[in-house]
Amino acid sequence: METIIRSTWLRRSSVFWVSLALAIATLFAWTVPTSAASRSSRGGSGRWIEVDLSSQRLYAWQNGRRIYSSRISSGKRSTPTRLGTFAIQRKYLYKTMRGRGYVAPNVPYTMFYSGGYAIHGAYWHNRFGTPITHGCVNLPVGKARQLYSWAGPGTRVVIRR
């Protein structure tokens, strides 16, 4: 009986925390300034994103100037992040992501750059600076919101070691 109570409590408490994180992320999604939202529709215009896997950092560049930097979490050894030059193909404010052994509902600020590989916010961990993902590039939710507002489809993404 005690085991059933604990497991029910754990399930309920994790649902509570995920729901709270999503509610907070939704609240911030509605506070995007209109000038930032209009910029997000442009893909090129001297903008590009650099992901440095060796330092676990993401940089945003505009007209040759670095304007943004954040810690990330990239793919672990068994599920590495793809290296190369890509472009943002699709953007979703929230997207359910599925893979072998996981389902992540309502992943905020998702920007796909190569097939199922994406840059997105991560509400389920706070281990940024450590490669722990299934190949995607994770950002803190607030940082992902800023990048999502700034980058548009077509924005170049360069991933290197």
N, C-alpha and C. Protein backbone atom coordinates (compact mmCIF):
# COMPACT_ATOMS: atom_id res chain seq x y z
N MET A 1 0.83 -1.19 0.00
CA MET A 1 0.00 0.00 0.00
C MET A 1 0.87 1.26 0.00
N GLU A 2 1.92 1.26 0.83
CA GLU A 2 2.80 2.42 0.91
C GLU A 2 3.48 2.70 -0.43
N THR A 3 3.87 1.65 -1.15
CA THR A 3 4.50 1.81 -2.46
C THR A 3 3.55 2.46 -3.44
N ILE A 4 2.30 2.07 -3.43
CA ILE A 4 1.29 2.66 -4.32
C ILE A 4 1.12 4.13 -4.02
N ILE A 5 1.06 4.49 -2.75
CA ILE A 5 0.89 5.89 -2.37
C ILE A 5 2.09 6.71 -2.83
N ARG A 6 3.30 6.22 -2.62
CA ARG A 6 4.49 6.96 -3.04
C ARG A 6 4.52 7.15 -4.55
N SER A 7 4.27 6.07 -5.32
CA SER A 7 4.33 6.20 -6.77
C SER A 7 3.24 7.14 -7.29
N THR A 8 2.05 7.11 -6.70
CA THR A 8 0.99 8.03 -7.10
C THR A 8 1.41 9.46 -6.78
N TRP A 9 1.97 9.67 -5.61
CA TRP A 9 2.42 11.01 -5.23
C TRP A 9 3.50 11.50 -6.19
N LEU A 10 4.46 10.63 -6.53
CA LEU A 10 5.52 11.02 -7.46
C LEU A 10 4.95 11.39 -8.83
N ARG A 11 4.04 10.58 -9.33
CA ARG A 11 3.44 10.90 -10.63
C ARG A 11 2.71 12.23 -10.55
N ARG A 12 1.97 12.44 -9.53
CA ARG A 12 1.22 13.69 -9.40
C ARG A 12 2.16 14.87 -9.24
N SER A 13 3.22 14.73 -8.46
CA SER A 13 4.12 15.86 -8.24
C SER A 13 4.90 16.18 -9.51
N SER A 14 5.33 15.19 -10.30
CA SER A 14 6.04 15.49 -11.54
C SER A 14 5.10 16.14 -12.54
N VAL A 15 3.85 15.72 -12.59
CA VAL A 15 2.88 16.36 -13.46
C VAL A 15 2.68 17.81 -13.04
N PHE A 16 2.63 18.05 -11.75
CA PHE A 16 2.49 19.41 -11.25
C PHE A 16 3.64 20.28 -11.72
N TRP A 17 4.89 19.82 -11.57
CA TRP A 17 6.05 20.63 -11.93
C TRP A 17 6.13 20.86 -13.43
N VAL A 18 5.83 19.86 -14.22
CA VAL A 18 5.83 20.04 -15.68
C VAL A 18 4.74 21.03 -16.07
N SER A 19 3.57 20.90 -15.47
CA SER A 19 2.48 21.83 -15.77
C SER A 19 2.85 23.26 -15.37
N LEU A 20 3.48 23.40 -14.23
CA LEU A 20 3.91 24.73 -13.78
C LEU A 20 4.93 25.32 -14.75
N ALA A 21 5.91 24.52 -15.18
CA ALA A 21 6.92 25.00 -16.12
C ALA A 21 6.28 25.42 -17.44
N LEU A 22 5.32 24.65 -17.92
CA LEU A 22 4.64 24.99 -19.17
C LEU A 22 3.81 26.26 -19.02
N ALA A 23 3.17 26.42 -17.88
CA ALA A 23 2.37 27.62 -17.65
C ALA A 23 3.27 28.86 -17.64
N ILE A 24 4.42 28.75 -17.02
CA ILE A 24 5.36 29.88 -16.98
C ILE A 24 5.89 30.16 -18.38
N ALA A 25 6.24 29.11 -19.12
CA ALA A 25 6.73 29.30 -20.49
C ALA A 25 5.67 29.95 -21.36
N THR A 26 4.41 29.54 -21.20
CA THR A 26 3.32 30.13 -21.97
C THR A 26 3.16 31.60 -21.62
N LEU A 27 3.27 31.92 -20.36
CA LEU A 27 3.15 33.30 -19.92
C LEU A 27 4.20 34.16 -20.60
N PHE A 28 5.45 33.69 -20.66
CA PHE A 28 6.51 34.45 -21.29
C PHE A 28 6.35 34.50 -22.80
N ALA A 29 5.72 33.50 -23.40
CA ALA A 29 5.53 33.48 -24.85
C ALA A 29 4.67 34.65 -25.30
N TRP A 30 3.76 35.08 -24.46
CA TRP A 30 2.88 36.17 -24.85
C TRP A 30 3.50 37.53 -24.62
N THR A 31 4.70 37.60 -24.07
CA THR A 31 5.34 38.88 -23.80
C THR A 31 6.41 39.24 -24.82
N VAL A 32 6.43 38.55 -25.99
CA VAL A 32 7.40 38.85 -27.02
C VAL A 32 7.07 40.20 -27.63
N PRO A 33 8.01 41.15 -27.65
CA PRO A 33 7.73 42.45 -28.25
C PRO A 33 7.41 42.29 -29.74
N THR A 34 6.55 43.16 -30.27
CA THR A 34 6.16 43.04 -31.66
C THR A 34 7.34 43.24 -32.60
N SER A 35 8.30 44.07 -32.24
CA SER A 35 9.47 44.26 -33.12
C SER A 35 10.28 42.97 -33.20
N ALA A 36 10.39 42.23 -32.10
CA ALA A 36 11.11 40.96 -32.13
C ALA A 36 10.33 39.93 -32.93
N ALA A 37 9.01 39.94 -32.81
CA ALA A 37 8.20 38.99 -33.56
C ALA A 37 8.30 39.25 -35.05
N SER A 38 8.36 40.51 -35.46
CA SER A 38 8.45 40.80 -36.88
C SER A 38 9.83 40.42 -37.43
N ARG A 39 10.86 40.53 -36.61
CA ARG A 39 12.20 40.12 -37.05
C ARG A 39 12.28 38.63 -37.26
N SER A 40 11.49 37.85 -36.49
CA SER A 40 11.59 36.39 -36.57
C SER A 40 11.14 35.86 -37.92
N SER A 41 10.39 36.63 -38.67
CA SER A 41 9.93 36.15 -39.96
C SER A 41 11.02 36.23 -41.02
N ARG A 42 12.08 36.98 -40.76
CA ARG A 42 13.17 37.08 -41.73
C ARG A 42 14.20 36.00 -41.45
N GLY A 43 14.63 35.32 -42.47
CA GLY A 43 15.57 34.22 -42.29
C GLY A 43 17.01 34.67 -42.34
N GLY A 44 17.41 35.34 -43.38
CA GLY A 44 18.81 35.67 -43.60
C GLY A 44 19.23 36.95 -42.91
N SER A 45 19.43 38.00 -43.69
CA SER A 45 19.80 39.34 -43.24
C SER A 45 21.02 39.35 -42.32
N GLY A 46 22.06 38.56 -42.66
CA GLY A 46 23.29 38.59 -41.89
C GLY A 46 23.20 37.89 -40.54
N ARG A 47 22.19 37.11 -40.32
CA ARG A 47 22.01 36.40 -39.05
C ARG A 47 22.42 34.95 -39.21
N TRP A 48 23.10 34.42 -38.19
CA TRP A 48 23.39 32.99 -38.16
C TRP A 48 23.64 32.56 -36.74
N ILE A 49 23.47 31.26 -36.52
CA ILE A 49 23.63 30.66 -35.19
C ILE A 49 24.81 29.72 -35.23
N GLU A 50 25.68 29.83 -34.23
CA GLU A 50 26.84 28.95 -34.10
C GLU A 50 26.67 28.13 -32.83
N VAL A 51 26.85 26.82 -32.96
CA VAL A 51 26.81 25.92 -31.80
C VAL A 51 28.18 25.30 -31.67
N ASP A 52 28.86 25.58 -30.57
CA ASP A 52 30.20 25.05 -30.30
C ASP A 52 30.05 23.91 -29.29
N LEU A 53 30.17 22.68 -29.79
CA LEU A 53 29.95 21.52 -28.93
C LEU A 53 31.06 21.35 -27.89
N SER A 54 32.29 21.76 -28.21
CA SER A 54 33.38 21.59 -27.24
C SER A 54 33.20 22.48 -26.02
N SER A 55 32.63 23.66 -26.20
CA SER A 55 32.41 24.54 -25.05
C SER A 55 30.96 24.49 -24.56
N GLN A 56 30.09 23.72 -25.27
CA GLN A 56 28.67 23.62 -24.92
C GLN A 56 28.03 25.02 -24.84
N ARG A 57 28.27 25.80 -25.92
CA ARG A 57 27.71 27.15 -26.01
C ARG A 57 27.08 27.38 -27.37
N LEU A 58 26.07 28.24 -27.38
CA LEU A 58 25.44 28.69 -28.60
C LEU A 58 25.66 30.19 -28.70
N TYR A 59 25.97 30.65 -29.91
CA TYR A 59 26.18 32.07 -30.17
C TYR A 59 25.27 32.49 -31.32
N ALA A 60 24.71 33.67 -31.24
CA ALA A 60 23.94 34.25 -32.34
C ALA A 60 24.75 35.42 -32.90
N TRP A 61 24.85 35.46 -34.22
CA TRP A 61 25.64 36.47 -34.91
C TRP A 61 24.73 37.29 -35.82
N GLN A 62 24.98 38.58 -35.87
CA GLN A 62 24.24 39.44 -36.78
C GLN A 62 25.22 40.45 -37.38
N ASN A 63 25.30 40.43 -38.70
CA ASN A 63 26.19 41.34 -39.43
C ASN A 63 27.61 41.31 -38.88
N GLY A 64 28.13 40.11 -38.61
CA GLY A 64 29.51 39.95 -38.16
C GLY A 64 29.75 40.21 -36.68
N ARG A 65 28.71 40.54 -35.93
CA ARG A 65 28.85 40.80 -34.50
C ARG A 65 28.11 39.74 -33.70
N ARG A 66 28.77 39.25 -32.65
CA ARG A 66 28.11 38.30 -31.75
C ARG A 66 27.17 39.08 -30.85
N ILE A 67 25.89 38.72 -30.89
CA ILE A 67 24.90 39.49 -30.13
C ILE A 67 24.24 38.68 -29.01
N TYR A 68 24.58 37.40 -28.94
CA TYR A 68 23.87 36.54 -28.00
C TYR A 68 24.74 35.33 -27.71
N SER A 69 24.72 34.86 -26.46
CA SER A 69 25.48 33.67 -26.07
C SER A 69 24.73 32.96 -24.94
N SER A 70 24.74 31.64 -24.98
CA SER A 70 24.08 30.87 -23.92
C SER A 70 24.73 29.50 -23.79
N ARG A 71 24.68 28.96 -22.58
CA ARG A 71 25.08 27.56 -22.37
C ARG A 71 24.02 26.67 -22.97
N ILE A 72 24.43 25.50 -23.44
CA ILE A 72 23.51 24.53 -24.04
C ILE A 72 23.77 23.15 -23.45
N SER A 73 22.93 22.23 -23.82
CA SER A 73 23.19 20.81 -23.66
C SER A 73 23.00 20.19 -25.03
N SER A 74 24.00 19.46 -25.49
CA SER A 74 23.93 18.82 -26.80
C SER A 74 23.82 17.31 -26.60
N GLY A 75 23.93 16.58 -27.70
CA GLY A 75 23.77 15.13 -27.67
C GLY A 75 24.87 14.43 -26.90
N LYS A 76 24.46 13.39 -26.18
CA LYS A 76 25.44 12.57 -25.47
C LYS A 76 26.17 11.68 -26.48
N ARG A 77 27.19 10.97 -26.03
CA ARG A 77 28.03 10.17 -26.91
C ARG A 77 27.24 9.16 -27.75
N SER A 78 26.24 8.52 -27.14
CA SER A 78 25.45 7.50 -27.85
C SER A 78 24.43 8.09 -28.81
N THR A 79 24.08 9.37 -28.63
CA THR A 79 23.13 10.06 -29.52
C THR A 79 23.67 11.46 -29.82
N PRO A 80 24.73 11.55 -30.63
CA PRO A 80 25.41 12.83 -30.81
C PRO A 80 24.60 13.84 -31.64
N THR A 81 24.94 15.10 -31.44
CA THR A 81 24.41 16.19 -32.25
C THR A 81 25.16 16.19 -33.57
N ARG A 82 24.43 16.32 -34.67
CA ARG A 82 25.06 16.31 -36.01
C ARG A 82 25.90 17.55 -36.22
N LEU A 83 27.08 17.36 -36.80
CA LEU A 83 27.96 18.47 -37.16
C LEU A 83 27.63 18.93 -38.58
N GLY A 84 27.84 20.21 -38.86
CA GLY A 84 27.65 20.70 -40.22
C GLY A 84 26.98 22.05 -40.25
N THR A 85 26.62 22.45 -41.47
CA THR A 85 25.93 23.72 -41.69
C THR A 85 24.52 23.40 -42.17
N PHE A 86 23.54 23.99 -41.53
CA PHE A 86 22.14 23.73 -41.78
C PHE A 86 21.40 25.06 -41.85
N ALA A 87 20.10 25.00 -41.99
CA ALA A 87 19.24 26.19 -41.92
C ALA A 87 17.98 25.82 -41.15
N ILE A 88 17.44 26.77 -40.43
CA ILE A 88 16.19 26.53 -39.71
C ILE A 88 15.11 26.27 -40.76
N GLN A 89 14.45 25.12 -40.62
CA GLN A 89 13.43 24.71 -41.58
C GLN A 89 12.02 25.01 -41.11
N ARG A 90 11.74 24.68 -39.83
CA ARG A 90 10.40 24.84 -39.28
C ARG A 90 10.52 25.33 -37.84
N LYS A 91 9.54 26.13 -37.42
CA LYS A 91 9.49 26.63 -36.05
C LYS A 91 8.12 26.30 -35.45
N TYR A 92 8.14 25.89 -34.18
CA TYR A 92 6.91 25.60 -33.45
C TYR A 92 7.02 26.23 -32.07
N LEU A 93 5.98 26.94 -31.67
CA LEU A 93 5.96 27.51 -30.33
C LEU A 93 6.03 26.39 -29.30
N TYR A 94 5.28 25.29 -29.53
CA TYR A 94 5.32 24.09 -28.69
C TYR A 94 5.22 22.88 -29.59
N LYS A 95 5.98 21.85 -29.29
CA LYS A 95 5.97 20.64 -30.12
C LYS A 95 6.20 19.44 -29.20
N THR A 96 5.40 18.38 -29.37
CA THR A 96 5.65 17.13 -28.66
C THR A 96 6.75 16.40 -29.42
N MET A 97 7.80 16.01 -28.71
CA MET A 97 8.93 15.33 -29.33
C MET A 97 8.99 13.91 -28.81
N ARG A 98 9.19 12.98 -29.75
CA ARG A 98 9.24 11.55 -29.41
C ARG A 98 10.49 10.94 -29.99
N GLY A 99 11.02 9.98 -29.29
CA GLY A 99 12.17 9.22 -29.76
C GLY A 99 12.22 7.89 -29.04
N ARG A 100 13.27 7.15 -29.31
CA ARG A 100 13.42 5.85 -28.65
C ARG A 100 13.56 6.06 -27.15
N GLY A 101 12.54 5.62 -26.42
CA GLY A 101 12.59 5.67 -24.96
C GLY A 101 12.16 6.97 -24.32
N TYR A 102 11.61 7.93 -25.08
CA TYR A 102 11.17 9.17 -24.45
C TYR A 102 10.02 9.82 -25.22
N VAL A 103 9.22 10.56 -24.50
CA VAL A 103 8.20 11.44 -25.06
C VAL A 103 8.28 12.72 -24.24
N ALA A 104 8.47 13.85 -24.91
CA ALA A 104 8.53 15.15 -24.24
C ALA A 104 7.41 16.02 -24.78
N PRO A 105 6.33 16.19 -24.01
CA PRO A 105 5.20 16.99 -24.50
C PRO A 105 5.48 18.49 -24.38
N ASN A 106 4.93 19.24 -25.30
CA ASN A 106 4.96 20.70 -25.25
C ASN A 106 6.37 21.27 -25.09
N VAL A 107 7.30 20.81 -25.91
CA VAL A 107 8.66 21.34 -25.88
C VAL A 107 8.61 22.76 -26.43
N PRO A 108 9.03 23.76 -25.64
CA PRO A 108 8.85 25.14 -26.06
C PRO A 108 9.93 25.63 -27.03
N TYR A 109 9.51 26.54 -27.92
CA TYR A 109 10.41 27.28 -28.82
C TYR A 109 11.31 26.34 -29.63
N THR A 110 10.66 25.46 -30.37
CA THR A 110 11.36 24.43 -31.14
C THR A 110 11.65 24.93 -32.55
N MET A 111 12.92 24.83 -32.96
CA MET A 111 13.33 25.22 -34.31
C MET A 111 14.10 24.05 -34.92
N PHE A 112 13.48 23.36 -35.86
CA PHE A 112 14.11 22.22 -36.53
C PHE A 112 15.08 22.73 -37.59
N TYR A 113 16.28 22.15 -37.60
CA TYR A 113 17.28 22.56 -38.59
C TYR A 113 17.74 21.41 -39.48
N SER A 114 17.47 20.16 -39.10
CA SER A 114 17.86 19.01 -39.92
C SER A 114 17.04 17.80 -39.51
N GLY A 115 16.03 17.45 -40.30
CA GLY A 115 15.18 16.31 -39.95
C GLY A 115 14.58 16.48 -38.58
N GLY A 116 14.86 15.52 -37.67
CA GLY A 116 14.35 15.57 -36.31
C GLY A 116 15.24 16.31 -35.33
N TYR A 117 16.33 16.91 -35.81
CA TYR A 117 17.24 17.66 -34.94
C TYR A 117 16.75 19.10 -34.81
N ALA A 118 16.76 19.61 -33.57
CA ALA A 118 16.21 20.93 -33.32
C ALA A 118 16.98 21.65 -32.22
N ILE A 119 16.83 22.95 -32.21
CA ILE A 119 17.23 23.81 -31.09
C ILE A 119 15.93 24.12 -30.37
N HIS A 120 15.90 23.91 -29.04
CA HIS A 120 14.65 24.15 -28.31
C HIS A 120 14.91 24.36 -26.84
N GLY A 121 13.90 24.88 -26.16
CA GLY A 121 13.94 25.03 -24.72
C GLY A 121 13.79 23.68 -24.04
N ALA A 122 14.35 23.56 -22.84
CA ALA A 122 14.23 22.32 -22.06
C ALA A 122 13.78 22.68 -20.65
N TYR A 123 12.55 22.27 -20.31
CA TYR A 123 12.01 22.54 -18.98
C TYR A 123 12.28 21.39 -18.02
N TRP A 124 12.78 20.26 -18.53
CA TRP A 124 12.90 19.03 -17.73
C TRP A 124 14.28 18.85 -17.11
N HIS A 125 15.23 19.71 -17.40
CA HIS A 125 16.53 19.60 -16.75
C HIS A 125 17.17 20.97 -16.62
N ASN A 126 18.21 21.03 -15.81
CA ASN A 126 18.98 22.26 -15.62
C ASN A 126 20.46 21.93 -15.69
N ARG A 127 20.83 21.00 -16.58
CA ARG A 127 22.22 20.56 -16.69
C ARG A 127 22.88 21.14 -17.93
N PHE A 128 22.64 22.41 -18.18
CA PHE A 128 23.21 23.07 -19.35
C PHE A 128 24.72 23.16 -19.17
N GLY A 129 25.42 22.93 -20.26
CA GLY A 129 26.88 22.84 -20.22
C GLY A 129 27.35 21.39 -20.25
N THR A 130 26.39 20.44 -20.26
CA THR A 130 26.69 19.01 -20.25
C THR A 130 25.97 18.33 -21.41
N PRO A 131 26.65 17.50 -22.19
CA PRO A 131 25.98 16.77 -23.27
C PRO A 131 25.10 15.64 -22.69
N ILE A 132 23.78 15.82 -22.74
CA ILE A 132 22.87 14.83 -22.16
C ILE A 132 21.66 14.55 -23.06
N THR A 133 21.58 15.16 -24.24
CA THR A 133 20.36 15.05 -25.03
C THR A 133 20.41 13.86 -25.99
N HIS A 134 19.33 13.70 -26.73
CA HIS A 134 19.22 12.67 -27.76
C HIS A 134 19.67 13.20 -29.11
N GLY A 135 20.41 14.31 -29.14
CA GLY A 135 20.94 14.87 -30.38
C GLY A 135 20.53 16.31 -30.61
N CYS A 136 19.47 16.76 -29.96
CA CYS A 136 19.03 18.14 -30.11
C CYS A 136 19.93 19.08 -29.31
N VAL A 137 19.76 20.37 -29.53
CA VAL A 137 20.47 21.40 -28.79
C VAL A 137 19.47 22.02 -27.82
N ASN A 138 19.67 21.78 -26.52
CA ASN A 138 18.77 22.29 -25.47
C ASN A 138 19.28 23.62 -24.95
N LEU A 139 18.34 24.54 -24.72
CA LEU A 139 18.61 25.84 -24.10
C LEU A 139 17.68 26.00 -22.90
N PRO A 140 18.06 26.84 -21.92
CA PRO A 140 17.09 27.21 -20.90
C PRO A 140 15.88 27.86 -21.60
N VAL A 141 14.69 27.68 -21.06
CA VAL A 141 13.48 28.12 -21.73
C VAL A 141 13.50 29.62 -22.06
N GLY A 142 13.92 30.45 -21.14
CA GLY A 142 13.97 31.89 -21.40
C GLY A 142 14.93 32.25 -22.53
N LYS A 143 16.06 31.59 -22.58
CA LYS A 143 17.04 31.82 -23.64
C LYS A 143 16.50 31.32 -24.98
N ALA A 144 15.80 30.18 -24.95
CA ALA A 144 15.20 29.64 -26.18
C ALA A 144 14.15 30.61 -26.73
N ARG A 145 13.40 31.22 -25.82
CA ARG A 145 12.39 32.20 -26.25
C ARG A 145 13.03 33.36 -26.99
N GLN A 146 14.14 33.88 -26.46
CA GLN A 146 14.84 34.99 -27.11
C GLN A 146 15.34 34.59 -28.49
N LEU A 147 15.96 33.43 -28.59
CA LEU A 147 16.49 32.97 -29.87
C LEU A 147 15.37 32.71 -30.87
N TYR A 148 14.28 32.13 -30.41
CA TYR A 148 13.12 31.83 -31.25
C TYR A 148 12.56 33.13 -31.85
N SER A 149 12.52 34.19 -31.05
CA SER A 149 12.00 35.47 -31.51
C SER A 149 12.94 36.12 -32.52
N TRP A 150 14.22 35.87 -32.39
CA TRP A 150 15.23 36.50 -33.23
C TRP A 150 15.44 35.78 -34.56
N ALA A 151 15.42 34.46 -34.55
CA ALA A 151 15.76 33.67 -35.74
C ALA A 151 14.50 33.28 -36.51
N GLY A 152 14.62 33.27 -37.80
CA GLY A 152 13.50 32.87 -38.65
C GLY A 152 13.86 31.68 -39.51
N PRO A 153 12.89 31.13 -40.21
CA PRO A 153 13.19 30.06 -41.16
C PRO A 153 14.25 30.53 -42.16
N GLY A 154 15.20 29.67 -42.43
CA GLY A 154 16.29 30.04 -43.32
C GLY A 154 17.53 30.51 -42.60
N THR A 155 17.42 30.86 -41.32
CA THR A 155 18.60 31.30 -40.57
C THR A 155 19.61 30.16 -40.54
N ARG A 156 20.84 30.46 -40.88
CA ARG A 156 21.90 29.46 -40.94
C ARG A 156 22.28 29.00 -39.53
N VAL A 157 22.51 27.68 -39.40
CA VAL A 157 22.94 27.07 -38.14
C VAL A 157 24.21 26.30 -38.43
N VAL A 158 25.30 26.67 -37.75
CA VAL A 158 26.59 26.00 -37.93
C VAL A 158 26.91 25.28 -36.63
N ILE A 159 27.08 23.96 -36.71
CA ILE A 159 27.39 23.16 -35.52
C ILE A 159 28.78 22.58 -35.71
N ARG A 160 29.68 22.87 -34.77
CA ARG A 160 31.07 22.44 -34.86
C ARG A 160 31.56 21.99 -33.49
N ARG A 161 32.72 21.33 -33.53
CA ARG A 161 33.39 20.91 -32.28
C ARG A 161 34.26 22.02 -31.78
